[in-house]
PDB file of N, CA and C in Angstrom:
ATOM      1  N   UNK A   1     129.817  89.157 119.456  1.00  0.00           N
ATOM      2  CA  UNK A   1     130.328  87.894 119.009  1.00  0.00           C
ATOM      3  C   UNK A   1     130.566  87.963 117.505  1.00  0.00           C
ATOM      4  N   UNK A   2     131.759  87.651 117.085  1.00  0.00           N
ATOM      5  CA  UNK A   2     132.055  87.637 115.650  1.00  0.00           C
ATOM      6  C   UNK A   2     131.676  86.267 115.099  1.00  0.00           C
ATOM      7  N   UNK A   3     130.828  86.281 114.075  1.00  0.00           N
ATOM      8  CA  UNK A   3     130.370  85.050 113.462  1.00  0.00           C
ATOM      9  C   UNK A   3     131.340  84.542 112.420  1.00  0.00           C
ATOM     10  N   UNK A   4     131.089  83.334 111.936  1.00  0.00           N
ATOM     11  CA  UNK A   4     131.934  82.766 110.899  1.00  0.00           C
ATOM     12  C   UNK A   4     131.841  83.567 109.601  1.00  0.00           C
ATOM     13  N   UNK A   5     130.807  84.415 109.506  1.00  0.00           N
ATOM     14  CA  UNK A   5     130.624  85.280 108.345  1.00  0.00           C
ATOM     15  C   UNK A   5     131.430  86.559 108.447  1.00  0.00           C
ATOM     16  N   UNK A   6     132.147  86.734 109.574  1.00  0.00           N
ATOM     17  CA  UNK A   6     132.950  87.925 109.789  1.00  0.00           C
ATOM     18  C   UNK A   6     132.194  89.104 110.356  1.00  0.00           C
ATOM     19  N   UNK A   7     130.872  88.973 110.500  1.00  0.00           N
ATOM     20  CA  UNK A   7     130.061  90.062 111.057  1.00  0.00           C
ATOM     21  C   UNK A   7     130.056  89.987 112.571  1.00  0.00           C
ATOM     22  N   UNK A   8     129.846  91.127 113.191  1.00  0.00           N
ATOM     23  CA  UNK A   8     129.768  91.191 114.645  1.00  0.00           C
ATOM     24  C   UNK A   8     128.291  91.147 115.038  1.00  0.00           C
ATOM     25  N   UNK A   9     127.892  90.067 115.694  1.00  0.00           N
ATOM     26  CA  UNK A   9     126.493  89.857 116.067  1.00  0.00           C
ATOM     27  C   UNK A   9     126.316  90.234 117.528  1.00  0.00           C
ATOM     28  N   UNK A  10     125.141  90.760 117.842  1.00  0.00           N
ATOM     29  CA  UNK A  10     124.824  91.117 119.227  1.00  0.00           C
ATOM     30  C   UNK A  10     123.379  90.806 119.522  1.00  0.00           C
ATOM     31  N   UNK A  11     123.107  90.566 120.789  1.00  0.00           N
ATOM     32  CA  UNK A  11     121.719  90.341 121.202  1.00  0.00           C
ATOM     33  C   UNK A  11     121.428  91.309 122.335  1.00  0.00           C
ATOM     34  N   UNK A  12     120.179  91.467 122.648  1.00  0.00           N
ATOM     35  CA  UNK A  12     119.746  92.421 123.660  1.00  0.00           C
ATOM     36  C   UNK A  12     120.363  92.113 125.020  1.00  0.00           C
ATOM     37  N   UNK A  13     120.745  93.147 125.703  1.00  0.00           N
ATOM     38  CA  UNK A  13     121.247  92.970 127.081  1.00  0.00           C
ATOM     39  C   UNK A  13     120.126  92.473 128.000  1.00  0.00           C
ATOM     40  N   UNK A  14     118.897  92.618 127.567  1.00  0.00           N
ATOM     41  CA  UNK A  14     117.739  92.155 128.354  1.00  0.00           C
ATOM     42  C   UNK A  14     117.526  90.639 128.255  1.00  0.00           C
ATOM     43  N   UNK A  15     118.319  89.975 127.447  1.00  0.00           N
ATOM     44  CA  UNK A  15     118.150  88.538 127.276  1.00  0.00           C
ATOM     45  C   UNK A  15     118.710  87.761 128.473  1.00  0.00           C
ATOM     46  N   UNK A  16     119.501  88.432 129.309  1.00  0.00           N
ATOM     47  CA  UNK A  16     120.059  87.816 130.516  1.00  0.00           C
ATOM     48  C   UNK A  16     120.817  86.529 130.235  1.00  0.00           C
ATOM     49  N   UNK A  17     121.532  86.466 129.123  1.00  0.00           N
ATOM     50  CA  UNK A  17     122.333  85.293 128.809  1.00  0.00           C
ATOM     51  C   UNK A  17     121.553  84.128 128.250  1.00  0.00           C
ATOM     52  N   UNK A  18     120.254  84.281 128.077  1.00  0.00           N
ATOM     53  CA  UNK A  18     119.431  83.189 127.522  1.00  0.00           C
ATOM     54  C   UNK A  18     119.848  82.890 126.091  1.00  0.00           C
ATOM     55  N   UNK A  19     119.610  81.665 125.666  1.00  0.00           N
ATOM     56  CA  UNK A  19     119.997  81.263 124.307  1.00  0.00           C
ATOM     57  C   UNK A  19     118.797  81.121 123.382  1.00  0.00           C
ATOM     58  N   UNK A  20     117.646  81.651 123.749  1.00  0.00           N
ATOM     59  CA  UNK A  20     116.462  81.574 122.894  1.00  0.00           C
ATOM     60  C   UNK A  20     116.070  82.992 122.491  1.00  0.00           C
ATOM     61  N   UNK A  21     116.991  83.621 121.775  1.00  0.00           N
ATOM     62  CA  UNK A  21     116.823  85.031 121.394  1.00  0.00           C
ATOM     63  C   UNK A  21     117.141  85.196 119.914  1.00  0.00           C
ATOM     64  N   UNK A  22     117.067  86.427 119.477  1.00  0.00           N
ATOM     65  CA  UNK A  22     117.572  86.761 118.152  1.00  0.00           C
ATOM     66  C   UNK A  22     118.788  87.652 118.316  1.00  0.00           C
ATOM     67  N   UNK A  23     119.653  87.626 117.336  1.00  0.00           N
ATOM     68  CA  UNK A  23     120.827  88.484 117.285  1.00  0.00           C
ATOM     69  C   UNK A  23     120.728  89.342 116.027  1.00  0.00           C
ATOM     70  N   UNK A  24     121.344  90.496 116.104  1.00  0.00           N
ATOM     71  CA  UNK A  24     121.414  91.359 114.913  1.00  0.00           C
ATOM     72  C   UNK A  24     122.862  91.706 114.621  1.00  0.00           C
ATOM     73  N   UNK A  25     123.128  91.989 113.360  1.00  0.00           N
ATOM     74  CA  UNK A  25     124.440  92.488 112.924  1.00  0.00           C
ATOM     75  C   UNK A  25     124.200  93.580 111.901  1.00  0.00           C
ATOM     76  N   UNK A  26     124.969  94.652 111.998  1.00  0.00           N
ATOM     77  CA  UNK A  26     124.833  95.769 111.074  1.00  0.00           C
ATOM     78  C   UNK A  26     125.893  95.657 109.989  1.00  0.00           C
ATOM     79  N   UNK A  27     125.488  95.931 108.777  1.00  0.00           N
ATOM     80  CA  UNK A  27     126.408  95.969 107.629  1.00  0.00           C
ATOM     81  C   UNK A  27     126.027  97.182 106.784  1.00  0.00           C
ATOM     82  N   UNK A  28     126.738  97.447 105.765  1.00  0.00           N
ATOM     83  CA  UNK A  28     126.529  98.624 104.932  1.00  0.00           C
ATOM     84  C   UNK A  28     125.066  98.816 104.516  1.00  0.00           C
ATOM     85  N   UNK A  29     124.311  99.548 105.320  1.00  0.00           N
ATOM     86  CA  UNK A  29     122.917  99.839 105.007  1.00  0.00           C
ATOM     87  C   UNK A  29     121.959  98.692 105.253  1.00  0.00           C
ATOM     88  N   UNK A  30     122.433  97.606 105.852  1.00  0.00           N
ATOM     89  CA  UNK A  30     121.613  96.425 106.070  1.00  0.00           C
ATOM     90  C   UNK A  30     121.672  95.974 107.521  1.00  0.00           C
ATOM     91  N   UNK A  31     120.659  95.214 107.927  1.00  0.00           N
ATOM     92  CA  UNK A  31     120.606  94.601 109.245  1.00  0.00           C
ATOM     93  C   UNK A  31     120.332  93.124 109.056  1.00  0.00           C
ATOM     94  N   UNK A  32     121.199  92.278 109.620  1.00  0.00           N
ATOM     95  CA  UNK A  32     120.982  90.835 109.588  1.00  0.00           C
ATOM     96  C   UNK A  32     120.363  90.410 110.900  1.00  0.00           C
ATOM     97  N   UNK A  33     119.435  89.434 110.852  1.00  0.00           N
ATOM     98  CA  UNK A  33     118.757  88.924 112.038  1.00  0.00           C
ATOM     99  C   UNK A  33     118.825  87.409 111.980  1.00  0.00           C
ATOM    100  N   UNK A  34     119.216  86.780 113.105  1.00  0.00           N
ATOM    101  CA  UNK A  34     119.280  85.316 113.158  1.00  0.00           C
ATOM    102  C   UNK A  34     118.877  84.819 114.536  1.00  0.00           C
ATOM    103  N   UNK A  35     118.597  83.546 114.607  1.00  0.00           N
ATOM    104  CA  UNK A  35     118.162  82.870 115.824  1.00  0.00           C
ATOM    105  C   UNK A  35     119.403  82.333 116.573  1.00  0.00           C
ATOM    106  N   UNK A  36     119.499  82.610 117.868  1.00  0.00           N
ATOM    107  CA  UNK A  36     120.660  82.154 118.623  1.00  0.00           C
ATOM    108  C   UNK A  36     120.675  80.643 118.802  1.00  0.00           C
ATOM    109  N   UNK A  37     119.531  79.998 118.684  1.00  0.00           N
ATOM    110  CA  UNK A  37     119.493  78.516 118.826  1.00  0.00           C
ATOM    111  C   UNK A  37     120.014  77.824 117.584  1.00  0.00           C
ATOM    112  N   UNK A  38     120.055  78.506 116.440  1.00  0.00           N
ATOM    113  CA  UNK A  38     120.489  77.891 115.183  1.00  0.00           C
ATOM    114  C   UNK A  38     121.185  78.955 114.334  1.00  0.00           C
ATOM    115  N   UNK A  39     122.361  79.365 114.777  1.00  0.00           N
ATOM    116  CA  UNK A  39     123.071  80.462 114.107  1.00  0.00           C
ATOM    117  C   UNK A  39     123.398  80.177 112.652  1.00  0.00           C
ATOM    118  N   UNK A  40     123.520  78.917 112.283  1.00  0.00           N
ATOM    119  CA  UNK A  40     123.813  78.572 110.905  1.00  0.00           C
ATOM    120  C   UNK A  40     122.560  78.265 110.092  1.00  0.00           C
ATOM    121  N   UNK A  41     121.396  78.458 110.706  1.00  0.00           N
ATOM    122  CA  UNK A  41     120.132  78.087 110.068  1.00  0.00           C
ATOM    123  C   UNK A  41     119.577  79.115 109.123  1.00  0.00           C
ATOM    124  N   UNK A  42     120.266  80.189 108.900  1.00  0.00           N
ATOM    125  CA  UNK A  42     119.787  81.208 107.985  1.00  0.00           C
ATOM    126  C   UNK A  42     119.712  82.571 108.631  1.00  0.00           C
ATOM    127  N   UNK A  43     119.722  83.595 107.815  1.00  0.00           N
ATOM    128  CA  UNK A  43     119.709  84.974 108.296  1.00  0.00           C
ATOM    129  C   UNK A  43     118.693  85.765 107.491  1.00  0.00           C
ATOM    130  N   UNK A  44     117.870  86.504 108.193  1.00  0.00           N
ATOM    131  CA  UNK A  44     116.979  87.453 107.517  1.00  0.00           C
ATOM    132  C   UNK A  44     117.745  88.751 107.324  1.00  0.00           C
ATOM    133  N   UNK A  45     117.595  89.376 106.193  1.00  0.00           N
ATOM    134  CA  UNK A  45     118.307  90.623 105.926  1.00  0.00           C
ATOM    135  C   UNK A  45     117.297  91.704 105.556  1.00  0.00           C
ATOM    136  N   UNK A  46     117.403  92.827 106.245  1.00  0.00           N
ATOM    137  CA  UNK A  46     116.519  93.972 106.024  1.00  0.00           C
ATOM    138  C   UNK A  46     117.350  95.193 105.657  1.00  0.00           C
ATOM    139  N   UNK A  47     116.756  96.084 104.856  1.00  0.00           N
ATOM    140  CA  UNK A  47     117.391  97.389 104.676  1.00  0.00           C
ATOM    141  C   UNK A  47     117.292  98.111 106.026  1.00  0.00           C
ATOM    142  N   UNK A  48     118.238  98.940 106.294  1.00  0.00           N
ATOM    143  CA  UNK A  48     118.280  99.612 107.599  1.00  0.00           C
ATOM    144  C   UNK A  48     116.968 100.368 107.885  1.00  0.00           C
ATOM    145  N   UNK A  49     116.398 101.024 106.896  1.00  0.00           N
ATOM    146  CA  UNK A  49     115.155 101.765 107.073  1.00  0.00           C
ATOM    147  C   UNK A  49     113.998 100.832 107.415  1.00  0.00           C
ATOM    148  N   UNK A  50     113.949  99.677 106.790  1.00  0.00           N
ATOM    149  CA  UNK A  50     112.903  98.690 107.117  1.00  0.00           C
ATOM    150  C   UNK A  50     113.030  98.249 108.569  1.00  0.00           C
ATOM    151  N   UNK A  51     114.248  98.035 109.010  1.00  0.00           N
ATOM    152  CA  UNK A  51     114.479  97.606 110.395  1.00  0.00           C
ATOM    153  C   UNK A  51     114.038  98.708 111.360  1.00  0.00           C
ATOM    154  N   UNK A  52     114.385  99.953 111.050  1.00  0.00           N
ATOM    155  CA  UNK A  52     113.987 101.070 111.904  1.00  0.00           C
ATOM    156  C   UNK A  52     112.477 101.195 111.988  1.00  0.00           C
ATOM    157  N   UNK A  53     111.792 101.006 110.885  1.00  0.00           N
ATOM    158  CA  UNK A  53     110.319 101.053 110.869  1.00  0.00           C
ATOM    159  C   UNK A  53     109.736  99.902 111.691  1.00  0.00           C
ATOM    160  N   UNK A  54     110.329  98.732 111.600  1.00  0.00           N
ATOM    161  CA  UNK A  54     109.880  97.576 112.371  1.00  0.00           C
ATOM    162  C   UNK A  54     110.011  97.818 113.865  1.00  0.00           C
ATOM    163  N   UNK A  55     111.171  98.331 114.293  1.00  0.00           N
ATOM    164  CA  UNK A  55     111.402  98.632 115.716  1.00  0.00           C
ATOM    165  C   UNK A  55     110.452  99.718 116.195  1.00  0.00           C
ATOM    166  N   UNK A  56     110.246 100.754 115.384  1.00  0.00           N
ATOM    167  CA  UNK A  56     109.313 101.827 115.758  1.00  0.00           C
ATOM    168  C   UNK A  56     107.901 101.276 115.945  1.00  0.00           C
ATOM    169  N   UNK A  57     107.487 100.366 115.088  1.00  0.00           N
ATOM    170  CA  UNK A  57     106.166  99.726 115.208  1.00  0.00           C
ATOM    171  C   UNK A  57     106.062  98.913 116.488  1.00  0.00           C
ATOM    172  N   UNK A  58     107.110  98.203 116.864  1.00  0.00           N
ATOM    173  CA  UNK A  58     107.098  97.442 118.114  1.00  0.00           C
ATOM    174  C   UNK A  58     106.939  98.372 119.312  1.00  0.00           C
ATOM    175  N   UNK A  59     107.645  99.471 119.283  1.00  0.00           N
ATOM    176  CA  UNK A  59     107.594 100.422 120.390  1.00  0.00           C
ATOM    177  C   UNK A  59     106.228 101.078 120.516  1.00  0.00           C
ATOM    178  N   UNK A  60     105.551 101.267 119.377  1.00  0.00           N
ATOM    179  CA  UNK A  60     104.198 101.855 119.405  1.00  0.00           C
ATOM    180  C   UNK A  60     103.156 100.858 119.887  1.00  0.00           C
ATOM    181  N   UNK A  61     103.501  99.606 119.793  1.00  0.00           N
ATOM    182  CA  UNK A  61     102.567  98.551 120.242  1.00  0.00           C
ATOM    183  C   UNK A  61     101.695  98.135 119.140  1.00  0.00           C
TER     184      UNK A  61
END
């Protein structure tokens, strides 16, 4: 989904169409994260390496 910011946002295929998820968008070395219930409510921005470390931590439990 292309947002009003021009970025292409996506959410997990595991969300099964639910609207209570987060979406991410990739940009030059950055990852944006936002809430699907309030897409205009703000975006968290992480460096790509920070995001990779976060996901690796989730997978490790």
